[in-house]
Protein backbone atom coordinates (compact mmCIF):
# COMPACT_ATOMS: atom_id res chain seq x y z
CA UNK A 1 0.00 0.00 0.00
CA UNK A 2 1.28 3.46 -0.88
CA UNK A 3 0.31 5.67 2.03
CA UNK A 4 2.12 8.73 3.33
CA UNK A 5 1.72 9.53 7.01
CA UNK A 6 4.00 12.53 7.22
CA UNK A 7 3.46 14.47 10.42
CA UNK A 8 4.57 18.03 10.97
CA UNK A 9 4.07 19.34 14.47
CA UNK A 10 4.52 22.95 15.51
CA UNK A 11 6.23 23.73 18.79
CA UNK A 12 5.84 27.31 19.99
CA UNK A 13 6.61 28.97 23.28
CA UNK A 14 4.24 31.83 22.57
CA UNK A 15 0.74 30.61 23.37
CA UNK A 16 -0.67 33.96 22.21
CA UNK A 17 -0.44 32.84 18.59
CA UNK A 18 -3.88 32.84 16.97
CA UNK A 19 -3.93 29.11 16.19
CA UNK A 20 -1.89 27.88 19.16
CA UNK A 21 -2.62 24.20 19.78
CA UNK A 22 -5.26 23.87 17.07
CA UNK A 23 -4.97 20.58 15.20
CA UNK A 24 -5.50 21.06 11.47
CA UNK A 25 -5.28 18.45 8.72
CA UNK A 26 -4.42 19.64 5.22
CA UNK A 27 -5.64 17.40 2.41
CA UNK A 28 -3.88 17.98 -0.91
CA UNK A 29 -6.40 16.50 -3.32
CA UNK A 30 -5.61 13.62 -5.70
CA UNK A 31 -2.05 12.27 -6.08
CA UNK A 32 -0.24 9.25 -7.48
CA UNK A 33 -2.21 7.53 -10.23
CA UNK A 34 -4.99 10.13 -9.84
CA UNK A 35 -3.91 13.43 -11.43
CA UNK A 36 -7.20 15.25 -10.93
CA UNK A 37 -8.07 17.73 -13.64
CA UNK A 38 -5.41 18.91 -16.08
CA UNK A 39 -4.53 21.38 -18.81
CA UNK A 40 -1.87 19.90 -21.06
CA UNK A 41 0.99 18.92 -18.76
CA UNK A 42 -0.32 21.08 -15.91
CA UNK A 43 -1.74 18.62 -13.39
CA UNK A 44 -4.11 19.51 -10.57
CA UNK A 45 -2.46 17.09 -8.14
CA UNK A 46 0.87 18.94 -8.37
CA UNK A 47 -0.58 22.40 -7.85
CA UNK A 48 -2.73 21.12 -4.98
CA UNK A 49 0.41 19.88 -3.26
CA UNK A 50 2.34 23.12 -3.77
CA UNK A 51 -0.51 25.19 -2.31
CA UNK A 52 -0.94 22.73 0.57
CA UNK A 53 2.73 22.89 1.53
CA UNK A 54 2.57 26.67 1.67
CA UNK A 55 -0.65 26.46 3.67
CA UNK A 56 1.05 24.11 6.11
CA UNK A 57 3.79 26.70 6.71
CA UNK A 58 1.32 29.53 7.25
CA UNK A 59 -0.75 27.52 9.73
CA UNK A 60 2.34 26.44 11.69
CA UNK A 61 3.58 30.02 11.74
CA UNK A 62 0.36 30.93 13.53
CA UNK A 63 0.73 28.17 16.11
CA UNK A 64 -1.24 25.26 14.63
CA UNK A 65 -0.33 21.60 14.81
CA UNK A 66 -0.54 20.50 11.17
CA UNK A 67 -0.93 17.03 9.71
CA UNK A 68 -0.43 16.60 5.97
CA UNK A 69 -2.37 13.76 4.36
CA UNK A 70 0.29 13.66 1.66
CA UNK A 71 3.60 15.47 1.18
CA UNK A 72 4.56 13.86 -2.11
CA UNK A 73 2.97 12.50 -5.28
CA UNK A 74 1.21 9.48 -3.74
CA UNK A 75 -2.28 8.08 -3.52
CA UNK A 76 -3.74 6.57 -0.38
CA UNK A 77 -5.08 3.40 -1.89
CA UNK A 78 -3.47 0.00 -2.34
CA UNK A 79 -2.85 -1.69 -5.68
CA UNK A 80 -4.99 -4.51 -4.29
CA UNK A 81 -8.04 -2.30 -3.73
CA UNK A 82 -10.86 -3.05 -6.15
CA UNK A 83 -12.46 0.38 -5.72
CA UNK A 84 -9.29 2.46 -5.76
CA UNK A 85 -10.86 5.92 -5.69
CA UNK A 86 -13.26 5.05 -2.87
CA UNK A 87 -10.50 3.43 -0.79
CA UNK A 88 -8.33 6.53 -1.25
CA UNK A 89 -11.15 8.77 -0.03
CA UNK A 90 -11.95 6.45 2.89
CA UNK A 91 -8.34 6.59 4.07
CA UNK A 92 -8.36 10.38 3.89
CA UNK A 93 -11.40 10.47 6.19
CA UNK A 94 -9.78 7.99 8.58
CA UNK A 95 -6.60 10.07 8.65
CA UNK A 96 -8.56 13.23 9.51
CA UNK A 97 -10.48 11.51 12.29
CA UNK A 98 -7.52 9.55 13.70
CA UNK A 99 -5.59 12.79 14.21
CA UNK A 100 -8.53 14.21 16.22
CA UNK A 101 -8.40 17.26 13.98
CA UNK A 102 -10.11 20.47 15.05
CA UNK A 103 -10.73 20.98 11.33
CA UNK A 104 -9.53 19.92 7.91
CA UNK A 105 -8.87 21.88 4.73
CA UNK A 106 -9.20 20.05 1.42
CA UNK A 107 -7.28 21.73 -1.41
CA UNK A 108 -8.41 21.22 -5.01
CA UNK A 109 -8.69 22.96 -8.39
CA UNK A 110 -11.78 23.44 -10.52
CA UNK A 111 -12.64 22.88 -14.18
CA UNK A 112 -15.56 23.99 -16.30
CA UNK A 113 -16.23 23.66 -20.02
CA UNK A 114 -16.84 27.39 -20.26
CA UNK A 115 -13.40 28.99 -19.90
CA UNK A 116 -15.01 32.22 -18.69
CA UNK A 117 -15.66 30.71 -15.25
CA UNK A 118 -12.92 31.53 -12.75
CA UNK A 119 -12.13 32.36 -9.17
CA UNK A 120 -12.09 30.68 -5.80
CA UNK A 121 -14.98 28.42 -4.85
CA UNK A 122 -15.58 27.01 -1.34
CA UNK A 123 -17.90 24.10 -0.70
CA UNK A 124 -19.18 22.50 2.48
CA UNK A 125 -21.51 19.75 3.68
CA UNK A 126 -24.14 20.29 6.36
CA UNK A 127 -23.04 17.20 8.33
CA UNK A 128 -21.40 19.62 10.79
CA UNK A 129 -23.13 22.89 11.69
CA UNK A 130 -19.78 24.73 11.74
CA UNK A 131 -18.90 23.92 8.13
CA UNK A 132 -20.95 26.74 6.65
CA UNK A 133 -19.44 29.22 9.10
CA UNK A 134 -15.91 28.09 8.22
CA UNK A 135 -16.69 28.36 4.51
CA UNK A 136 -18.05 31.86 5.01
CA UNK A 137 -15.03 33.01 7.02
CA UNK A 138 -12.61 31.77 4.38
CA UNK A 139 -14.66 33.28 1.56
CA UNK A 140 -14.77 36.64 3.36
CA UNK A 141 -11.00 36.48 3.73
CA UNK A 142 -10.59 36.01 -0.03
CA UNK A 143 -12.98 38.87 -0.75
CA UNK A 144 -11.07 41.13 1.66
CA UNK A 145 -7.89 40.26 -0.26
CA UNK A 146 -9.49 41.27 -3.58
CA UNK A 147 -9.30 37.75 -5.01
CA UNK A 148 -12.21 36.79 -7.25
CA UNK A 149 -14.44 34.49 -5.21
CA UNK A 150 -17.67 32.75 -6.08
CA UNK A 151 -20.61 32.10 -3.76
CA UNK A 152 -20.15 29.25 -1.27
CA UNK A 153 -21.96 26.04 -2.19
CA UNK A 154 -22.92 22.77 -0.59
CA UNK A 155 -21.38 19.48 -1.70
CA UNK A 156 -22.40 15.88 -1.22
CA UNK A 157 -19.09 14.35 -2.31
CA UNK A 158 -17.95 11.28 -0.38
CA UNK A 159 -15.35 12.80 1.96
CA UNK A 160 -17.40 15.77 3.00
CA UNK A 161 -20.59 13.90 3.79
CA UNK A 162 -18.80 11.20 5.77
CA UNK A 163 -16.78 13.01 8.41
CA UNK A 164 -18.17 14.96 11.35
CA UNK A 165 -14.90 16.87 11.69
CA UNK A 166 -15.42 20.51 10.68
CA UNK A 167 -13.93 21.22 7.28
CA UNK A 168 -14.37 22.56 3.77
CA UNK A 169 -13.38 21.93 0.18
CA UNK A 170 -11.47 24.86 -1.27
CA UNK A 171 -11.33 25.00 -5.07
CA UNK A 172 -8.41 27.40 -5.49
CA UNK A 173 -9.16 28.33 -9.08
CA UNK A 174 -10.18 26.97 -12.47
CA UNK A 175 -7.51 25.27 -14.58
CA UNK A 176 -9.87 25.85 -17.49
CA UNK A 177 -9.59 29.63 -17.01
CA UNK A 178 -6.55 31.26 -18.61
CA UNK A 179 -6.01 33.87 -15.89
CA UNK A 180 -6.48 31.43 -13.01
CA UNK A 181 -4.17 28.93 -14.70
CA UNK A 182 -1.44 31.56 -15.06
CA UNK A 183 -1.71 32.66 -11.43
CA UNK A 184 -1.94 29.19 -9.95
CA UNK A 185 1.49 28.31 -11.32
CA UNK A 186 3.13 31.28 -9.59
CA UNK A 187 4.64 30.50 -6.13
CA UNK A 188 3.80 34.03 -4.94
CA UNK A 189 0.11 33.50 -5.72
CA UNK A 190 0.14 30.05 -4.13
CA UNK A 191 1.54 31.65 -0.97
CA UNK A 192 -1.10 34.37 -1.09
CA UNK A 193 -3.84 31.72 -1.26
CA UNK A 194 -2.27 29.97 1.75
CA UNK A 195 -2.12 33.21 3.74
CA UNK A 196 -5.70 34.14 2.93
CA UNK A 197 -7.01 30.70 3.92
CA UNK A 198 -5.09 30.92 7.19
CA UNK A 199 -6.62 34.33 7.92
CA UNK A 200 -10.07 32.85 7.34
CA UNK A 201 -9.31 29.96 9.71
CA UNK A 202 -8.16 32.42 12.37
CA UNK A 203 -11.41 34.35 11.97
CA UNK A 204 -13.33 31.08 12.35
CA UNK A 205 -11.68 30.19 15.65
CA UNK A 206 -12.02 33.74 16.95
C-alpha atoms as a PDB file:
ATOM      1  CA  UNK A   1       0.000   0.000   0.000  1.00  0.00           C
ATOM      2  CA  UNK A   2       1.281   3.460  -0.884  1.00  0.00           C
ATOM      3  CA  UNK A   3       0.314   5.673   2.029  1.00  0.00           C
ATOM      4  CA  UNK A   4       2.116   8.734   3.329  1.00  0.00           C
ATOM      5  CA  UNK A   5       1.724   9.534   7.013  1.00  0.00           C
ATOM      6  CA  UNK A   6       4.002  12.527   7.221  1.00  0.00           C
ATOM      7  CA  UNK A   7       3.460  14.470  10.423  1.00  0.00           C
ATOM      8  CA  UNK A   8       4.565  18.030  10.974  1.00  0.00           C
ATOM      9  CA  UNK A   9       4.071  19.344  14.472  1.00  0.00           C
ATOM     10  CA  UNK A  10       4.524  22.948  15.513  1.00  0.00           C
ATOM     11  CA  UNK A  11       6.231  23.730  18.794  1.00  0.00           C
ATOM     12  CA  UNK A  12       5.836  27.313  19.990  1.00  0.00           C
ATOM     13  CA  UNK A  13       6.612  28.974  23.278  1.00  0.00           C
ATOM     14  CA  UNK A  14       4.236  31.832  22.566  1.00  0.00           C
ATOM     15  CA  UNK A  15       0.737  30.606  23.369  1.00  0.00           C
ATOM     16  CA  UNK A  16      -0.673  33.958  22.209  1.00  0.00           C
ATOM     17  CA  UNK A  17      -0.444  32.837  18.586  1.00  0.00           C
ATOM     18  CA  UNK A  18      -3.876  32.842  16.973  1.00  0.00           C
ATOM     19  CA  UNK A  19      -3.934  29.108  16.194  1.00  0.00           C
ATOM     20  CA  UNK A  20      -1.892  27.882  19.157  1.00  0.00           C
ATOM     21  CA  UNK A  21      -2.624  24.200  19.777  1.00  0.00           C
ATOM     22  CA  UNK A  22      -5.260  23.872  17.067  1.00  0.00           C
ATOM     23  CA  UNK A  23      -4.967  20.577  15.195  1.00  0.00           C
ATOM     24  CA  UNK A  24      -5.499  21.056  11.465  1.00  0.00           C
ATOM     25  CA  UNK A  25      -5.277  18.447   8.725  1.00  0.00           C
ATOM     26  CA  UNK A  26      -4.422  19.643   5.219  1.00  0.00           C
ATOM     27  CA  UNK A  27      -5.637  17.400   2.408  1.00  0.00           C
ATOM     28  CA  UNK A  28      -3.880  17.982  -0.915  1.00  0.00           C
ATOM     29  CA  UNK A  29      -6.395  16.496  -3.323  1.00  0.00           C
ATOM     30  CA  UNK A  30      -5.611  13.619  -5.702  1.00  0.00           C
ATOM     31  CA  UNK A  31      -2.049  12.265  -6.080  1.00  0.00           C
ATOM     32  CA  UNK A  32      -0.245   9.248  -7.480  1.00  0.00           C
ATOM     33  CA  UNK A  33      -2.213   7.530 -10.226  1.00  0.00           C
ATOM     34  CA  UNK A  34      -4.992  10.129  -9.843  1.00  0.00           C
ATOM     35  CA  UNK A  35      -3.914  13.432 -11.434  1.00  0.00           C
ATOM     36  CA  UNK A  36      -7.197  15.249 -10.926  1.00  0.00           C
ATOM     37  CA  UNK A  37      -8.072  17.726 -13.638  1.00  0.00           C
ATOM     38  CA  UNK A  38      -5.408  18.906 -16.077  1.00  0.00           C
ATOM     39  CA  UNK A  39      -4.527  21.378 -18.806  1.00  0.00           C
ATOM     40  CA  UNK A  40      -1.866  19.903 -21.062  1.00  0.00           C
ATOM     41  CA  UNK A  41       0.989  18.919 -18.765  1.00  0.00           C
ATOM     42  CA  UNK A  42      -0.319  21.076 -15.910  1.00  0.00           C
ATOM     43  CA  UNK A  43      -1.744  18.621 -13.387  1.00  0.00           C
ATOM     44  CA  UNK A  44      -4.106  19.513 -10.573  1.00  0.00           C
ATOM     45  CA  UNK A  45      -2.456  17.088  -8.140  1.00  0.00           C
ATOM     46  CA  UNK A  46       0.874  18.939  -8.370  1.00  0.00           C
ATOM     47  CA  UNK A  47      -0.580  22.402  -7.847  1.00  0.00           C
ATOM     48  CA  UNK A  48      -2.733  21.124  -4.977  1.00  0.00           C
ATOM     49  CA  UNK A  49       0.409  19.885  -3.258  1.00  0.00           C
ATOM     50  CA  UNK A  50       2.336  23.119  -3.768  1.00  0.00           C
ATOM     51  CA  UNK A  51      -0.511  25.190  -2.311  1.00  0.00           C
ATOM     52  CA  UNK A  52      -0.944  22.729   0.565  1.00  0.00           C
ATOM     53  CA  UNK A  53       2.727  22.893   1.528  1.00  0.00           C
ATOM     54  CA  UNK A  54       2.569  26.667   1.665  1.00  0.00           C
ATOM     55  CA  UNK A  55      -0.648  26.457   3.669  1.00  0.00           C
ATOM     56  CA  UNK A  56       1.054  24.110   6.106  1.00  0.00           C
ATOM     57  CA  UNK A  57       3.794  26.696   6.707  1.00  0.00           C
ATOM     58  CA  UNK A  58       1.324  29.534   7.250  1.00  0.00           C
ATOM     59  CA  UNK A  59      -0.751  27.521   9.725  1.00  0.00           C
ATOM     60  CA  UNK A  60       2.336  26.441  11.687  1.00  0.00           C
ATOM     61  CA  UNK A  61       3.584  30.024  11.736  1.00  0.00           C
ATOM     62  CA  UNK A  62       0.364  30.933  13.527  1.00  0.00           C
ATOM     63  CA  UNK A  63       0.726  28.170  16.113  1.00  0.00           C
ATOM     64  CA  UNK A  64      -1.238  25.262  14.630  1.00  0.00           C
ATOM     65  CA  UNK A  65      -0.326  21.602  14.806  1.00  0.00           C
ATOM     66  CA  UNK A  66      -0.541  20.497  11.175  1.00  0.00           C
ATOM     67  CA  UNK A  67      -0.934  17.025   9.711  1.00  0.00           C
ATOM     68  CA  UNK A  68      -0.430  16.596   5.975  1.00  0.00           C
ATOM     69  CA  UNK A  69      -2.367  13.760   4.361  1.00  0.00           C
ATOM     70  CA  UNK A  70       0.295  13.663   1.657  1.00  0.00           C
ATOM     71  CA  UNK A  71       3.603  15.472   1.176  1.00  0.00           C
ATOM     72  CA  UNK A  72       4.564  13.860  -2.114  1.00  0.00           C
ATOM     73  CA  UNK A  73       2.966  12.499  -5.281  1.00  0.00           C
ATOM     74  CA  UNK A  74       1.213   9.478  -3.742  1.00  0.00           C
ATOM     75  CA  UNK A  75      -2.281   8.079  -3.520  1.00  0.00           C
ATOM     76  CA  UNK A  76      -3.736   6.572  -0.377  1.00  0.00           C
ATOM     77  CA  UNK A  77      -5.080   3.396  -1.894  1.00  0.00           C
ATOM     78  CA  UNK A  78      -3.469   0.001  -2.338  1.00  0.00           C
ATOM     79  CA  UNK A  79      -2.847  -1.689  -5.677  1.00  0.00           C
ATOM     80  CA  UNK A  80      -4.992  -4.512  -4.290  1.00  0.00           C
ATOM     81  CA  UNK A  81      -8.041  -2.299  -3.729  1.00  0.00           C
ATOM     82  CA  UNK A  82     -10.860  -3.051  -6.153  1.00  0.00           C
ATOM     83  CA  UNK A  83     -12.461   0.382  -5.716  1.00  0.00           C
ATOM     84  CA  UNK A  84      -9.290   2.460  -5.762  1.00  0.00           C
ATOM     85  CA  UNK A  85     -10.861   5.917  -5.692  1.00  0.00           C
ATOM     86  CA  UNK A  86     -13.263   5.052  -2.869  1.00  0.00           C
ATOM     87  CA  UNK A  87     -10.502   3.434  -0.792  1.00  0.00           C
ATOM     88  CA  UNK A  88      -8.335   6.533  -1.248  1.00  0.00           C
ATOM     89  CA  UNK A  89     -11.151   8.768  -0.029  1.00  0.00           C
ATOM     90  CA  UNK A  90     -11.951   6.450   2.889  1.00  0.00           C
ATOM     91  CA  UNK A  91      -8.339   6.586   4.073  1.00  0.00           C
ATOM     92  CA  UNK A  92      -8.358  10.375   3.891  1.00  0.00           C
ATOM     93  CA  UNK A  93     -11.396  10.466   6.187  1.00  0.00           C
ATOM     94  CA  UNK A  94      -9.783   7.989   8.580  1.00  0.00           C
ATOM     95  CA  UNK A  95      -6.603  10.075   8.649  1.00  0.00           C
ATOM     96  CA  UNK A  96      -8.561  13.230   9.510  1.00  0.00           C
ATOM     97  CA  UNK A  97     -10.477  11.513  12.291  1.00  0.00           C
ATOM     98  CA  UNK A  98      -7.524   9.545  13.702  1.00  0.00           C
ATOM     99  CA  UNK A  99      -5.594  12.788  14.209  1.00  0.00           C
ATOM    100  CA  UNK A 100      -8.529  14.210  16.219  1.00  0.00           C
ATOM    101  CA  UNK A 101      -8.401  17.259  13.980  1.00  0.00           C
ATOM    102  CA  UNK A 102     -10.106  20.469  15.045  1.00  0.00           C
ATOM    103  CA  UNK A 103     -10.728  20.984  11.330  1.00  0.00           C
ATOM    104  CA  UNK A 104      -9.528  19.922   7.909  1.00  0.00           C
ATOM    105  CA  UNK A 105      -8.872  21.882   4.727  1.00  0.00           C
ATOM    106  CA  UNK A 106      -9.199  20.054   1.420  1.00  0.00           C
ATOM    107  CA  UNK A 107      -7.285  21.732  -1.407  1.00  0.00           C
ATOM    108  CA  UNK A 108      -8.406  21.218  -5.007  1.00  0.00           C
ATOM    109  CA  UNK A 109      -8.691  22.960  -8.388  1.00  0.00           C
ATOM    110  CA  UNK A 110     -11.782  23.444 -10.516  1.00  0.00           C
ATOM    111  CA  UNK A 111     -12.636  22.876 -14.184  1.00  0.00           C
ATOM    112  CA  UNK A 112     -15.562  23.986 -16.304  1.00  0.00           C
ATOM    113  CA  UNK A 113     -16.228  23.656 -20.019  1.00  0.00           C
ATOM    114  CA  UNK A 114     -16.845  27.392 -20.264  1.00  0.00           C
ATOM    115  CA  UNK A 115     -13.400  28.991 -19.902  1.00  0.00           C
ATOM    116  CA  UNK A 116     -15.013  32.215 -18.694  1.00  0.00           C
ATOM    117  CA  UNK A 117     -15.659  30.707 -15.247  1.00  0.00           C
ATOM    118  CA  UNK A 118     -12.916  31.529 -12.752  1.00  0.00           C
ATOM    119  CA  UNK A 119     -12.126  32.363  -9.169  1.00  0.00           C
ATOM    120  CA  UNK A 120     -12.087  30.682  -5.795  1.00  0.00           C
ATOM    121  CA  UNK A 121     -14.977  28.418  -4.849  1.00  0.00           C
ATOM    122  CA  UNK A 122     -15.578  27.014  -1.344  1.00  0.00           C
ATOM    123  CA  UNK A 123     -17.901  24.104  -0.705  1.00  0.00           C
ATOM    124  CA  UNK A 124     -19.180  22.495   2.483  1.00  0.00           C
ATOM    125  CA  UNK A 125     -21.507  19.753   3.678  1.00  0.00           C
ATOM    126  CA  UNK A 126     -24.144  20.287   6.356  1.00  0.00           C
ATOM    127  CA  UNK A 127     -23.044  17.202   8.331  1.00  0.00           C
ATOM    128  CA  UNK A 128     -21.397  19.624  10.786  1.00  0.00           C
ATOM    129  CA  UNK A 129     -23.126  22.891  11.691  1.00  0.00           C
ATOM    130  CA  UNK A 130     -19.781  24.734  11.744  1.00  0.00           C
ATOM    131  CA  UNK A 131     -18.897  23.924   8.134  1.00  0.00           C
ATOM    132  CA  UNK A 132     -20.950  26.742   6.650  1.00  0.00           C
ATOM    133  CA  UNK A 133     -19.435  29.216   9.104  1.00  0.00           C
ATOM    134  CA  UNK A 134     -15.910  28.088   8.221  1.00  0.00           C
ATOM    135  CA  UNK A 135     -16.692  28.360   4.506  1.00  0.00           C
ATOM    136  CA  UNK A 136     -18.046  31.864   5.014  1.00  0.00           C
ATOM    137  CA  UNK A 137     -15.028  33.011   7.024  1.00  0.00           C
ATOM    138  CA  UNK A 138     -12.610  31.770   4.377  1.00  0.00           C
ATOM    139  CA  UNK A 139     -14.663  33.280   1.557  1.00  0.00           C
ATOM    140  CA  UNK A 140     -14.773  36.637   3.358  1.00  0.00           C
ATOM    141  CA  UNK A 141     -10.995  36.477   3.731  1.00  0.00           C
ATOM    142  CA  UNK A 142     -10.592  36.007  -0.026  1.00  0.00           C
ATOM    143  CA  UNK A 143     -12.977  38.869  -0.746  1.00  0.00           C
ATOM    144  CA  UNK A 144     -11.069  41.131   1.664  1.00  0.00           C
ATOM    145  CA  UNK A 145      -7.895  40.262  -0.259  1.00  0.00           C
ATOM    146  CA  UNK A 146      -9.489  41.268  -3.581  1.00  0.00           C
ATOM    147  CA  UNK A 147      -9.300  37.755  -5.008  1.00  0.00           C
ATOM    148  CA  UNK A 148     -12.212  36.792  -7.248  1.00  0.00           C
ATOM    149  CA  UNK A 149     -14.440  34.488  -5.206  1.00  0.00           C
ATOM    150  CA  UNK A 150     -17.669  32.750  -6.080  1.00  0.00           C
ATOM    151  CA  UNK A 151     -20.610  32.096  -3.755  1.00  0.00           C
ATOM    152  CA  UNK A 152     -20.154  29.253  -1.266  1.00  0.00           C
ATOM    153  CA  UNK A 153     -21.959  26.041  -2.189  1.00  0.00           C
ATOM    154  CA  UNK A 154     -22.916  22.770  -0.587  1.00  0.00           C
ATOM    155  CA  UNK A 155     -21.385  19.483  -1.697  1.00  0.00           C
ATOM    156  CA  UNK A 156     -22.404  15.884  -1.225  1.00  0.00           C
ATOM    157  CA  UNK A 157     -19.094  14.347  -2.308  1.00  0.00           C
ATOM    158  CA  UNK A 158     -17.953  11.285  -0.378  1.00  0.00           C
ATOM    159  CA  UNK A 159     -15.349  12.796   1.961  1.00  0.00           C
ATOM    160  CA  UNK A 160     -17.397  15.773   3.000  1.00  0.00           C
ATOM    161  CA  UNK A 161     -20.589  13.895   3.794  1.00  0.00           C
ATOM    162  CA  UNK A 162     -18.797  11.202   5.773  1.00  0.00           C
ATOM    163  CA  UNK A 163     -16.778  13.010   8.409  1.00  0.00           C
ATOM    164  CA  UNK A 164     -18.167  14.962  11.352  1.00  0.00           C
ATOM    165  CA  UNK A 165     -14.902  16.872  11.686  1.00  0.00           C
ATOM    166  CA  UNK A 166     -15.419  20.511  10.677  1.00  0.00           C
ATOM    167  CA  UNK A 167     -13.929  21.219   7.277  1.00  0.00           C
ATOM    168  CA  UNK A 168     -14.366  22.561   3.772  1.00  0.00           C
ATOM    169  CA  UNK A 169     -13.379  21.929   0.182  1.00  0.00           C
ATOM    170  CA  UNK A 170     -11.470  24.865  -1.271  1.00  0.00           C
ATOM    171  CA  UNK A 171     -11.327  25.001  -5.071  1.00  0.00           C
ATOM    172  CA  UNK A 172      -8.406  27.396  -5.486  1.00  0.00           C
ATOM    173  CA  UNK A 173      -9.163  28.330  -9.077  1.00  0.00           C
ATOM    174  CA  UNK A 174     -10.176  26.967 -12.470  1.00  0.00           C
ATOM    175  CA  UNK A 175      -7.509  25.272 -14.580  1.00  0.00           C
ATOM    176  CA  UNK A 176      -9.865  25.848 -17.495  1.00  0.00           C
ATOM    177  CA  UNK A 177      -9.591  29.628 -17.014  1.00  0.00           C
ATOM    178  CA  UNK A 178      -6.552  31.263 -18.610  1.00  0.00           C
ATOM    179  CA  UNK A 179      -6.009  33.871 -15.889  1.00  0.00           C
ATOM    180  CA  UNK A 180      -6.484  31.426 -13.013  1.00  0.00           C
ATOM    181  CA  UNK A 181      -4.171  28.934 -14.700  1.00  0.00           C
ATOM    182  CA  UNK A 182      -1.444  31.561 -15.059  1.00  0.00           C
ATOM    183  CA  UNK A 183      -1.711  32.665 -11.434  1.00  0.00           C
ATOM    184  CA  UNK A 184      -1.941  29.187  -9.949  1.00  0.00           C
ATOM    185  CA  UNK A 185       1.493  28.312 -11.325  1.00  0.00           C
ATOM    186  CA  UNK A 186       3.135  31.279  -9.588  1.00  0.00           C
ATOM    187  CA  UNK A 187       4.642  30.503  -6.128  1.00  0.00           C
ATOM    188  CA  UNK A 188       3.803  34.029  -4.943  1.00  0.00           C
ATOM    189  CA  UNK A 189       0.111  33.503  -5.720  1.00  0.00           C
ATOM    190  CA  UNK A 190       0.141  30.052  -4.128  1.00  0.00           C
ATOM    191  CA  UNK A 191       1.544  31.649  -0.967  1.00  0.00           C
ATOM    192  CA  UNK A 192      -1.099  34.365  -1.088  1.00  0.00           C
ATOM    193  CA  UNK A 193      -3.838  31.721  -1.262  1.00  0.00           C
ATOM    194  CA  UNK A 194      -2.273  29.974   1.750  1.00  0.00           C
ATOM    195  CA  UNK A 195      -2.121  33.214   3.738  1.00  0.00           C
ATOM    196  CA  UNK A 196      -5.703  34.143   2.927  1.00  0.00           C
ATOM    197  CA  UNK A 197      -7.014  30.697   3.915  1.00  0.00           C
ATOM    198  CA  UNK A 198      -5.086  30.923   7.186  1.00  0.00           C
ATOM    199  CA  UNK A 199      -6.617  34.326   7.919  1.00  0.00           C
ATOM    200  CA  UNK A 200     -10.066  32.847   7.345  1.00  0.00           C
ATOM    201  CA  UNK A 201      -9.307  29.956   9.711  1.00  0.00           C
ATOM    202  CA  UNK A 202      -8.161  32.420  12.366  1.00  0.00           C
ATOM    203  CA  UNK A 203     -11.409  34.345  11.970  1.00  0.00           C
ATOM    204  CA  UNK A 204     -13.329  31.080  12.345  1.00  0.00           C
ATOM    205  CA  UNK A 205     -11.676  30.193  15.646  1.00  0.00           C
ATOM    206  CA  UNK A 206     -12.024  33.737  16.954  1.00  0.00           C
END
